[in-house]
PDB file of N, CA and C in Angstrom:
ATOM      1  N   UNK A   1       1.466   5.411   2.599  1.00  0.00           N
ATOM      2  CA  UNK A   1       0.562   4.509   2.573  1.00  0.00           C
ATOM      3  C   UNK A   1       1.468   3.476   3.090  1.00  0.00           C
ATOM      4  N   UNK A   2       0.641   2.467   4.120  1.00  0.00           N
ATOM      5  CA  UNK A   2       1.230   1.418   4.699  1.00  0.00           C
ATOM      6  C   UNK A   2       0.573   0.102   3.959  1.00  0.00           C
ATOM      7  N   UNK A   3       1.313  -0.874   3.587  1.00  0.00           N
ATOM      8  CA  UNK A   3       0.900  -2.085   3.052  1.00  0.00           C
ATOM      9  C   UNK A   3       1.223  -3.149   3.911  1.00  0.00           C
ATOM     10  N   UNK A   4       0.315  -4.061   4.490  1.00  0.00           N
ATOM     11  CA  UNK A   4       0.590  -5.152   5.094  1.00  0.00           C
ATOM     12  C   UNK A   4      -0.035  -6.390   4.466  1.00  0.00           C
ATOM     13  N   UNK A   5       0.965  -7.331   4.427  1.00  0.00           N
ATOM     14  CA  UNK A   5       0.380  -8.594   3.786  1.00  0.00           C
ATOM     15  C   UNK A   5       0.524  -9.766   4.705  1.00  0.00           C
ATOM     16  N   UNK A   6      -0.454 -10.637   4.422  1.00  0.00           N
ATOM     17  CA  UNK A   6      -0.519 -11.921   5.282  1.00  0.00           C
ATOM     18  C   UNK A   6      -0.813 -13.107   4.263  1.00  0.00           C
ATOM     19  N   UNK A   7       0.038 -14.250   4.557  1.00  0.00           N
ATOM     20  CA  UNK A   7      -0.134 -15.174   3.472  1.00  0.00           C
ATOM     21  C   UNK A   7      -0.604 -16.569   4.263  1.00  0.00           C
ATOM     22  N   UNK A   8      -1.746 -17.046   3.811  1.00  0.00           N
ATOM     23  CA  UNK A   8      -2.464 -18.279   4.559  1.00  0.00           C
ATOM     24  C   UNK A   8      -2.395 -19.304   3.343  1.00  0.00           C
ATOM     25  N   UNK A   9      -1.440 -20.070   3.189  1.00  0.00           N
ATOM     26  CA  UNK A   9      -1.317 -21.195   2.179  1.00  0.00           C
ATOM     27  C   UNK A   9      -1.265 -20.647   0.894  1.00  0.00           C
ATOM     28  N   UNK A  10      -2.340 -20.531  -0.107  1.00  0.00           N
ATOM     29  CA  UNK A  10      -2.697 -20.061  -1.190  1.00  0.00           C
ATOM     30  C   UNK A  10      -3.394 -18.811  -1.246  1.00  0.00           C
ATOM     31  N   UNK A  11      -3.700 -18.185   0.006  1.00  0.00           N
ATOM     32  CA  UNK A  11      -4.351 -17.020   0.093  1.00  0.00           C
ATOM     33  C   UNK A  11      -3.727 -15.939   0.542  1.00  0.00           C
ATOM     34  N   UNK A  12      -3.560 -14.671  -0.238  1.00  0.00           N
ATOM     35  CA  UNK A  12      -2.977 -13.410   0.160  1.00  0.00           C
ATOM     36  C   UNK A  12      -3.804 -12.457   0.577  1.00  0.00           C
ATOM     37  N   UNK A  13      -3.579 -11.894   1.763  1.00  0.00           N
ATOM     38  CA  UNK A  13      -4.388 -10.834   2.096  1.00  0.00           C
ATOM     39  C   UNK A  13      -3.431  -9.627   2.352  1.00  0.00           C
ATOM     40  N   UNK A  14      -3.996  -8.478   1.706  1.00  0.00           N
ATOM     41  CA  UNK A  14      -3.397  -7.270   1.645  1.00  0.00           C
ATOM     42  C   UNK A  14      -4.057  -6.215   2.377  1.00  0.00           C
ATOM     43  N   UNK A  15      -3.645  -5.671   3.348  1.00  0.00           N
ATOM     44  CA  UNK A  15      -4.321  -4.500   4.109  1.00  0.00           C
ATOM     45  C   UNK A  15      -3.604  -3.145   3.773  1.00  0.00           C
ATOM     46  N   UNK A  16      -4.265  -2.134   3.344  1.00  0.00           N
ATOM     47  CA  UNK A  16      -3.898  -0.781   2.904  1.00  0.00           C
ATOM     48  C   UNK A  16      -4.401   0.207   3.837  1.00  0.00           C
ATOM     49  N   UNK A  17      -3.529   0.904   4.425  1.00  0.00           N
ATOM     50  CA  UNK A  17      -3.722   1.863   5.425  1.00  0.00           C
ATOM     51  C   UNK A  17      -3.090   3.165   4.781  1.00  0.00           C
ATOM     52  N   UNK A  18      -4.101   4.184   4.764  1.00  0.00           N
ATOM     53  CA  UNK A  18      -3.730   5.546   4.443  1.00  0.00           C
ATOM     54  C   UNK A  18      -4.403   6.040   3.073  1.00  0.00           C
ATOM     55  N   UNK A  19      -3.505   6.484   2.109  1.00  0.00           N
ATOM     56  CA  UNK A  19      -4.018   6.663   0.873  1.00  0.00           C
ATOM     57  C   UNK A  19      -3.449   6.019  -0.406  1.00  0.00           C
ATOM     58  N   UNK A  20      -4.071   5.685  -1.236  1.00  0.00           N
ATOM     59  CA  UNK A  20      -3.843   5.076  -2.445  1.00  0.00           C
ATOM     60  C   UNK A  20      -3.836   5.855  -3.682  1.00  0.00           C
ATOM     61  N   UNK A  21      -2.799   6.501  -3.980  1.00  0.00           N
ATOM     62  CA  UNK A  21      -2.766   7.673  -4.959  1.00  0.00           C
ATOM     63  C   UNK A  21      -1.590   7.456  -5.968  1.00  0.00           C
ATOM     64  N   UNK A  22      -1.405   8.403  -6.804  1.00  0.00           N
ATOM     65  CA  UNK A  22      -0.517   8.524  -7.729  1.00  0.00           C
ATOM     66  C   UNK A  22       0.993   8.205  -7.295  1.00  0.00           C
ATOM     67  N   UNK A  23       1.178   8.660  -6.086  1.00  0.00           N
ATOM     68  CA  UNK A  23       2.348   8.445  -5.258  1.00  0.00           C
ATOM     69  C   UNK A  23       2.718   7.185  -4.835  1.00  0.00           C
ATOM     70  N   UNK A  24       1.655   6.454  -4.298  1.00  0.00           N
ATOM     71  CA  UNK A  24       1.873   5.070  -3.504  1.00  0.00           C
ATOM     72  C   UNK A  24       1.360   4.054  -4.520  1.00  0.00           C
ATOM     73  N   UNK A  25       0.729   4.281  -5.566  1.00  0.00           N
ATOM     74  CA  UNK A  25       0.201   3.219  -6.310  1.00  0.00           C
ATOM     75  C   UNK A  25       1.358   2.237  -6.879  1.00  0.00           C
ATOM     76  N   UNK A  26       2.458   2.925  -7.169  1.00  0.00           N
ATOM     77  CA  UNK A  26       3.625   1.977  -7.583  1.00  0.00           C
ATOM     78  C   UNK A  26       4.060   1.162  -6.607  1.00  0.00           C
ATOM     79  N   UNK A  27       3.985   1.530  -5.399  1.00  0.00           N
ATOM     80  CA  UNK A  27       4.385   0.843  -4.287  1.00  0.00           C
ATOM     81  C   UNK A  27       3.609  -0.507  -4.118  1.00  0.00           C
ATOM     82  N   UNK A  28       2.279  -0.202  -4.209  1.00  0.00           N
ATOM     83  CA  UNK A  28       1.378  -1.405  -4.123  1.00  0.00           C
ATOM     84  C   UNK A  28       1.523  -2.535  -5.293  1.00  0.00           C
ATOM     85  N   UNK A  29       1.869  -1.855  -6.737  1.00  0.00           N
ATOM     86  CA  UNK A  29       2.077  -2.695  -7.683  1.00  0.00           C
ATOM     87  C   UNK A  29       3.440  -3.551  -7.461  1.00  0.00           C
ATOM     88  N   UNK A  30       4.740  -3.034  -6.794  1.00  0.00           N
ATOM     89  CA  UNK A  30       5.617  -3.754  -6.595  1.00  0.00           C
ATOM     90  C   UNK A  30       5.388  -4.701  -5.528  1.00  0.00           C
ATOM     91  N   UNK A  31       4.764  -4.642  -4.525  1.00  0.00           N
ATOM     92  CA  UNK A  31       4.288  -5.545  -3.500  1.00  0.00           C
ATOM     93  C   UNK A  31       3.668  -6.558  -3.890  1.00  0.00           C
ATOM     94  N   UNK A  32       2.790  -6.365  -4.805  1.00  0.00           N
ATOM     95  CA  UNK A  32       1.840  -7.359  -5.640  1.00  0.00           C
ATOM     96  C   UNK A  32       2.683  -8.341  -6.453  1.00  0.00           C
ATOM     97  N   UNK A  33       3.590  -7.775  -6.975  1.00  0.00           N
ATOM     98  CA  UNK A  33       4.448  -8.287  -7.984  1.00  0.00           C
ATOM     99  C   UNK A  33       5.572  -9.286  -7.082  1.00  0.00           C
ATOM    100  N   UNK A  34       5.849  -9.016  -5.936  1.00  0.00           N
ATOM    101  CA  UNK A  34       6.484  -9.713  -5.084  1.00  0.00           C
ATOM    102  C   UNK A  34       5.821 -10.783  -4.474  1.00  0.00           C
ATOM    103  N   UNK A  35       4.625 -10.413  -4.085  1.00  0.00           N
ATOM    104  CA  UNK A  35       3.922 -11.607  -3.114  1.00  0.00           C
ATOM    105  C   UNK A  35       2.842 -12.484  -3.737  1.00  0.00           C
ATOM    106  N   UNK A  36       2.538 -12.126  -5.084  1.00  0.00           N
ATOM    107  CA  UNK A  36       1.387 -12.880  -5.590  1.00  0.00           C
ATOM    108  C   UNK A  36       1.849 -14.173  -6.276  1.00  0.00           C
ATOM    109  N   UNK A  37       3.208 -14.388  -6.372  1.00  0.00           N
ATOM    110  CA  UNK A  37       3.491 -15.733  -6.977  1.00  0.00           C
ATOM    111  C   UNK A  37       2.778 -16.959  -6.001  1.00  0.00           C
ATOM    112  N   UNK A  38       2.199 -17.765  -6.765  1.00  0.00           N
ATOM    113  CA  UNK A  38       1.649 -19.023  -6.295  1.00  0.00           C
ATOM    114  C   UNK A  38       0.258 -18.838  -5.314  1.00  0.00           C
ATOM    115  N   UNK A  39      -0.194 -17.538  -5.263  1.00  0.00           N
ATOM    116  CA  UNK A  39      -1.450 -17.428  -4.604  1.00  0.00           C
ATOM    117  C   UNK A  39      -2.828 -17.471  -5.666  1.00  0.00           C
ATOM    118  N   UNK A  40      -3.639 -18.181  -5.013  1.00  0.00           N
ATOM    119  CA  UNK A  40      -4.747 -18.466  -5.836  1.00  0.00           C
ATOM    120  C   UNK A  40      -6.196 -17.650  -5.390  1.00  0.00           C
ATOM    121  N   UNK A  41      -5.873 -16.775  -4.449  1.00  0.00           N
ATOM    122  CA  UNK A  41      -7.094 -15.967  -3.704  1.00  0.00           C
ATOM    123  C   UNK A  41      -6.283 -14.684  -3.374  1.00  0.00           C
ATOM    124  N   UNK A  42      -6.914 -13.564  -3.883  1.00  0.00           N
ATOM    125  CA  UNK A  42      -6.227 -12.233  -3.268  1.00  0.00           C
ATOM    126  C   UNK A  42      -7.237 -11.423  -2.317  1.00  0.00           C
ATOM    127  N   UNK A  43      -7.096 -11.064  -1.311  1.00  0.00           N
ATOM    128  CA  UNK A  43      -8.100 -10.255  -0.502  1.00  0.00           C
ATOM    129  C   UNK A  43      -7.684  -8.979  -0.210  1.00  0.00           C
ATOM    130  N   UNK A  44      -8.182  -8.051  -0.532  1.00  0.00           N
ATOM    131  CA  UNK A  44      -7.801  -6.555   0.019  1.00  0.00           C
ATOM    132  C   UNK A  44      -8.770  -6.403   1.214  1.00  0.00           C
ATOM    133  N   UNK A  45      -7.959  -5.639   2.188  1.00  0.00           N
ATOM    134  CA  UNK A  45      -8.633  -5.315   3.520  1.00  0.00           C
ATOM    135  C   UNK A  45      -8.493  -3.878   3.418  1.00  0.00           C
ATOM    136  N   UNK A  46      -9.500  -3.142   3.221  1.00  0.00           N
ATOM    137  CA  UNK A  46      -9.531  -1.791   2.919  1.00  0.00           C
ATOM    138  C   UNK A  46     -10.144  -0.840   4.029  1.00  0.00           C
ATOM    139  N   UNK A  47     -10.206  -1.415   5.334  1.00  0.00           N
ATOM    140  CA  UNK A  47     -10.715  -0.949   6.378  1.00  0.00           C
ATOM    141  C   UNK A  47     -10.012   0.377   6.907  1.00  0.00           C
ATOM    142  N   UNK A  48      -8.726   0.370   6.671  1.00  0.00           N
ATOM    143  CA  UNK A  48      -7.965   1.668   7.045  1.00  0.00           C
ATOM    144  C   UNK A  48      -7.440   2.590   5.743  1.00  0.00           C
ATOM    145  N   UNK A  49      -8.289   2.350   4.677  1.00  0.00           N
ATOM    146  CA  UNK A  49      -7.882   3.066   3.508  1.00  0.00           C
ATOM    147  C   UNK A  49      -8.684   4.315   3.575  1.00  0.00           C
ATOM    148  N   UNK A  50      -8.171   5.447   3.636  1.00  0.00           N
ATOM    149  CA  UNK A  50      -8.789   6.785   3.615  1.00  0.00           C
ATOM    150  C   UNK A  50      -9.213   7.423   2.306  1.00  0.00           C
ATOM    151  N   UNK A  51      -8.371   6.865   1.124  1.00  0.00           N
ATOM    152  CA  UNK A  51      -8.641   7.624  -0.079  1.00  0.00           C
ATOM    153  C   UNK A  51      -7.946   6.798  -1.099  1.00  0.00           C
ATOM    154  N   UNK A  52      -8.913   6.796  -2.363  1.00  0.00           N
ATOM    155  CA  UNK A  52      -8.191   6.115  -3.437  1.00  0.00           C
ATOM    156  C   UNK A  52      -8.396   6.821  -4.745  1.00  0.00           C
ATOM    157  N   UNK A  53      -7.411   7.136  -5.581  1.00  0.00           N
ATOM    158  CA  UNK A  53      -7.361   7.964  -6.688  1.00  0.00           C
ATOM    159  C   UNK A  53      -7.631   6.950  -8.013  1.00  0.00           C
ATOM    160  N   UNK A  54      -7.457   7.628  -9.182  1.00  0.00           N
ATOM    161  CA  UNK A  54      -7.509   6.765 -10.430  1.00  0.00           C
ATOM    162  C   UNK A  54      -6.348   5.810 -10.456  1.00  0.00           C
ATOM    163  N   UNK A  55      -5.139   6.261 -10.065  1.00  0.00           N
ATOM    164  CA  UNK A  55      -4.086   5.180 -10.249  1.00  0.00           C
ATOM    165  C   UNK A  55      -4.326   4.258  -9.265  1.00  0.00           C
ATOM    166  N   UNK A  56      -4.909   4.455  -8.085  1.00  0.00           N
ATOM    167  CA  UNK A  56      -5.074   3.150  -7.228  1.00  0.00           C
ATOM    168  C   UNK A  56      -6.187   2.090  -7.896  1.00  0.00           C
ATOM    169  N   UNK A  57      -7.156   2.651  -8.389  1.00  0.00           N
ATOM    170  CA  UNK A  57      -8.113   1.995  -9.048  1.00  0.00           C
ATOM    171  C   UNK A  57      -7.698   1.247 -10.330  1.00  0.00           C
ATOM    172  N   UNK A  58      -6.538   1.819 -10.989  1.00  0.00           N
ATOM    173  CA  UNK A  58      -6.012   0.923 -12.050  1.00  0.00           C
ATOM    174  C   UNK A  58      -5.048  -0.163 -11.457  1.00  0.00           C
ATOM    175  N   UNK A  59      -4.429  -0.106 -10.245  1.00  0.00           N
ATOM    176  CA  UNK A  59      -3.624  -1.082  -9.479  1.00  0.00           C
ATOM    177  C   UNK A  59      -4.734  -2.166  -9.320  1.00  0.00           C
ATOM    178  N   UNK A  60      -5.851  -1.774  -8.506  1.00  0.00           N
ATOM    179  CA  UNK A  60      -6.941  -2.901  -8.146  1.00  0.00           C
ATOM    180  C   UNK A  60      -7.520  -3.296  -9.381  1.00  0.00           C
ATOM    181  N   UNK A  61      -7.634  -2.820 -10.585  1.00  0.00           N
ATOM    182  CA  UNK A  61      -8.103  -3.320 -11.882  1.00  0.00           C
ATOM    183  C   UNK A  61      -7.144  -4.436 -12.288  1.00  0.00           C
ATOM    184  N   UNK A  62      -6.042  -3.964 -12.373  1.00  0.00           N
ATOM    185  CA  UNK A  62      -5.026  -4.924 -12.913  1.00  0.00           C
ATOM    186  C   UNK A  62      -4.868  -6.204 -11.865  1.00  0.00           C
ATOM    187  N   UNK A  63      -5.019  -6.002 -10.599  1.00  0.00           N
ATOM    188  CA  UNK A  63      -4.906  -7.209  -9.795  1.00  0.00           C
ATOM    189  C   UNK A  63      -6.170  -8.174 -10.238  1.00  0.00           C
ATOM    190  N   UNK A  64      -7.470  -7.610 -10.311  1.00  0.00           N
ATOM    191  CA  UNK A  64      -8.586  -8.285 -10.602  1.00  0.00           C
ATOM    192  C   UNK A  64      -8.533  -9.066 -11.973  1.00  0.00           C
ATOM    193  N   UNK A  65      -7.903  -8.465 -12.868  1.00  0.00           N
ATOM    194  CA  UNK A  65      -7.761  -9.149 -13.956  1.00  0.00           C
ATOM    195  C   UNK A  65      -6.742 -10.386 -13.987  1.00  0.00           C
ATOM    196  N   UNK A  66      -5.626 -10.086 -13.258  1.00  0.00           N
ATOM    197  CA  UNK A  66      -4.552 -11.174 -12.900  1.00  0.00           C
ATOM    198  C   UNK A  66      -5.289 -12.274 -12.182  1.00  0.00           C
ATOM    199  N   UNK A  67      -5.886 -12.026 -11.128  1.00  0.00           N
ATOM    200  CA  UNK A  67      -6.499 -12.912 -10.230  1.00  0.00           C
ATOM    201  C   UNK A  67      -7.653 -13.514 -10.743  1.00  0.00           C
ATOM    202  N   UNK A  68      -8.356 -13.180 -11.728  1.00  0.00           N
ATOM    203  CA  UNK A  68      -9.444 -13.779 -12.363  1.00  0.00           C
ATOM    204  C   UNK A  68      -8.806 -14.875 -13.266  1.00  0.00           C
ATOM    205  N   UNK A  69      -7.774 -14.905 -13.665  1.00  0.00           N
ATOM    206  CA  UNK A  69      -7.264 -16.064 -14.345  1.00  0.00           C
ATOM    207  C   UNK A  69      -6.711 -17.027 -13.339  1.00  0.00           C
ATOM    208  N   UNK A  70      -6.007 -16.559 -12.010  1.00  0.00           N
ATOM    209  CA  UNK A  70      -5.617 -17.260 -11.156  1.00  0.00           C
ATOM    210  C   UNK A  70      -6.280 -17.956  -9.782  1.00  0.00           C
ATOM    211  N   UNK A  71      -7.424 -17.535  -9.840  1.00  0.00           N
ATOM    212  CA  UNK A  71      -8.357 -17.947  -8.712  1.00  0.00           C
ATOM    213  C   UNK A  71      -9.467 -16.931  -8.318  1.00  0.00           C
ATOM    214  N   UNK A  72      -9.129 -15.951  -7.626  1.00  0.00           N
ATOM    215  CA  UNK A  72     -10.222 -14.896  -7.359  1.00  0.00           C
ATOM    216  C   UNK A  72      -9.664 -13.782  -6.512  1.00  0.00           C
ATOM    217  N   UNK A  73     -10.403 -12.630  -6.434  1.00  0.00           N
ATOM    218  CA  UNK A  73     -10.318 -11.631  -5.623  1.00  0.00           C
ATOM    219  C   UNK A  73     -11.342 -10.993  -5.058  1.00  0.00           C
ATOM    220  N   UNK A  74     -11.273 -10.789  -3.780  1.00  0.00           N
ATOM    221  CA  UNK A  74     -12.169 -10.395  -2.861  1.00  0.00           C
ATOM    222  C   UNK A  74     -11.869  -8.879  -2.229  1.00  0.00           C
ATOM    223  N   UNK A  75     -12.596  -7.985  -1.829  1.00  0.00           N
ATOM    224  CA  UNK A  75     -12.259  -6.804  -1.258  1.00  0.00           C
ATOM    225  C   UNK A  75     -13.293  -6.695  -0.047  1.00  0.00           C
ATOM    226  N   UNK A  76     -12.511  -6.434   1.132  1.00  0.00           N
ATOM    227  CA  UNK A  76     -13.251  -6.374   2.420  1.00  0.00           C
ATOM    228  C   UNK A  76     -12.983  -4.937   3.087  1.00  0.00           C
ATOM    229  N   UNK A  77     -14.078  -4.886   4.109  1.00  0.00           N
ATOM    230  CA  UNK A  77     -14.028  -3.831   4.824  1.00  0.00           C
ATOM    231  C   UNK A  77     -13.704  -2.374   4.286  1.00  0.00           C
ATOM    232  N   UNK A  78     -14.537  -1.983   3.108  1.00  0.00           N
ATOM    233  CA  UNK A  78     -14.480  -0.768   2.477  1.00  0.00           C
ATOM    234  C   UNK A  78     -14.989   0.459   3.255  1.00  0.00           C
ATOM    235  N   UNK A  79     -14.078   1.530   3.434  1.00  0.00           N
ATOM    236  CA  UNK A  79     -14.473   2.719   3.955  1.00  0.00           C
ATOM    237  C   UNK A  79     -15.670   3.658   2.977  1.00  0.00           C
ATOM    238  N   UNK A  80     -16.268   4.325   3.879  1.00  0.00           N
ATOM    239  CA  UNK A  80     -17.220   4.976   3.090  1.00  0.00           C
ATOM    240  C   UNK A  80     -16.720   5.767   1.892  1.00  0.00           C
ATOM    241  N   UNK A  81     -15.699   6.617   2.058  1.00  0.00           N
ATOM    242  CA  UNK A  81     -15.385   7.505   1.221  1.00  0.00           C
ATOM    243  C   UNK A  81     -14.723   6.646  -0.173  1.00  0.00           C
ATOM    244  N   UNK A  82     -13.923   5.512   0.190  1.00  0.00           N
ATOM    245  CA  UNK A  82     -13.539   4.502  -0.884  1.00  0.00           C
ATOM    246  C   UNK A  82     -14.635   4.010  -1.610  1.00  0.00           C
ATOM    247  N   UNK A  83     -15.937   3.568  -0.806  1.00  0.00           N
ATOM    248  CA  UNK A  83     -16.999   2.925  -1.450  1.00  0.00           C
ATOM    249  C   UNK A  83     -17.596   3.992  -2.547  1.00  0.00           C
ATOM    250  N   UNK A  84     -17.794   5.052  -1.988  1.00  0.00           N
ATOM    251  CA  UNK A  84     -18.208   6.239  -2.821  1.00  0.00           C
ATOM    252  C   UNK A  84     -17.574   6.149  -4.240  1.00  0.00           C
ATOM    253  N   UNK A  85     -16.178   6.233  -4.195  1.00  0.00           N
ATOM    254  CA  UNK A  85     -15.463   6.114  -5.476  1.00  0.00           C
ATOM    255  C   UNK A  85     -15.836   4.852  -6.253  1.00  0.00           C
ATOM    256  N   UNK A  86     -15.650   3.810  -5.750  1.00  0.00           N
ATOM    257  CA  UNK A  86     -16.369   2.629  -6.323  1.00  0.00           C
ATOM    258  C   UNK A  86     -17.532   2.724  -6.806  1.00  0.00           C
ATOM    259  N   UNK A  87     -18.395   3.254  -6.240  1.00  0.00           N
ATOM    260  CA  UNK A  87     -19.783   3.450  -7.008  1.00  0.00           C
ATOM    261  C   UNK A  87     -19.885   4.335  -7.984  1.00  0.00           C
ATOM    262  N   UNK A  88     -19.240   5.668  -7.919  1.00  0.00           N
ATOM    263  CA  UNK A  88     -19.343   6.551  -8.859  1.00  0.00           C
ATOM    264  C   UNK A  88     -18.375   6.137 -10.159  1.00  0.00           C
ATOM    265  N   UNK A  89     -17.461   5.315  -9.906  1.00  0.00           N
ATOM    266  CA  UNK A  89     -16.694   4.913 -11.189  1.00  0.00           C
ATOM    267  C   UNK A  89     -17.358   3.411 -11.682  1.00  0.00           C
ATOM    268  N   UNK A  90     -18.161   2.701 -11.028  1.00  0.00           N
ATOM    269  CA  UNK A  90     -18.761   1.677 -11.718  1.00  0.00           C
ATOM    270  C   UNK A  90     -17.933   0.428 -11.021  1.00  0.00           C
ATOM    271  N   UNK A  91     -16.708   0.595 -10.256  1.00  0.00           N
ATOM    272  CA  UNK A  91     -16.128  -0.526  -9.832  1.00  0.00           C
ATOM    273  C   UNK A  91     -16.890  -1.479  -8.841  1.00  0.00           C
ATOM    274  N   UNK A  92     -17.979  -0.865  -8.215  1.00  0.00           N
ATOM    275  CA  UNK A  92     -18.784  -1.622  -7.349  1.00  0.00           C
ATOM    276  C   UNK A  92     -19.596  -2.761  -8.146  1.00  0.00           C
ATOM    277  N   UNK A  93     -19.741  -2.643  -9.466  1.00  0.00           N
ATOM    278  CA  UNK A  93     -20.392  -3.367 -10.173  1.00  0.00           C
ATOM    279  C   UNK A  93     -19.359  -4.664 -10.468  1.00  0.00           C
ATOM    280  N   UNK A  94     -18.149  -4.333 -10.678  1.00  0.00           N
ATOM    281  CA  UNK A  94     -17.118  -5.077 -11.221  1.00  0.00           C
ATOM    282  C   UNK A  94     -16.483  -6.001 -10.115  1.00  0.00           C
ATOM    283  N   UNK A  95     -16.142  -5.386  -9.236  1.00  0.00           N
ATOM    284  CA  UNK A  95     -15.279  -5.858  -8.087  1.00  0.00           C
ATOM    285  C   UNK A  95     -16.015  -6.780  -7.196  1.00  0.00           C
ATOM    286  N   UNK A  96     -15.689  -7.963  -6.457  1.00  0.00           N
ATOM    287  CA  UNK A  96     -16.223  -8.668  -5.731  1.00  0.00           C
ATOM    288  C   UNK A  96     -16.218  -8.020  -4.169  1.00  0.00           C
ATOM    289  N   UNK A  97     -17.073  -7.247  -3.676  1.00  0.00           N
ATOM    290  CA  UNK A  97     -16.876  -6.547  -2.470  1.00  0.00           C
ATOM    291  C   UNK A  97     -17.848  -7.062  -1.251  1.00  0.00           C
ATOM    292  N   UNK A  98     -17.177  -7.341  -0.240  1.00  0.00           N
ATOM    293  CA  UNK A  98     -17.827  -7.998   0.881  1.00  0.00           C
ATOM    294  C   UNK A  98     -18.202  -6.841   2.008  1.00  0.00           C
TER     295      UNK A  98
END
């Protein structure tokens, strides 16, 4: 998986490319730990995310809980396979998806 980050003042955008699974979820956690300091808004761009596993969902939920206290989190450009996972797991009712 490739992780691209862009910061615009207090807004951090994280674009995920490939698969977010057991092997790559720790990489995302590490990247968020490095980049989130001072961010008040976190945006995930999932336009090129092909797959998400339960490990990936756990990272997104952790980020959501953290950002709920710091400002907010938004998910954009969700691919159809990933949206199906969000709907089946109920994440579509919890996360702010655009």
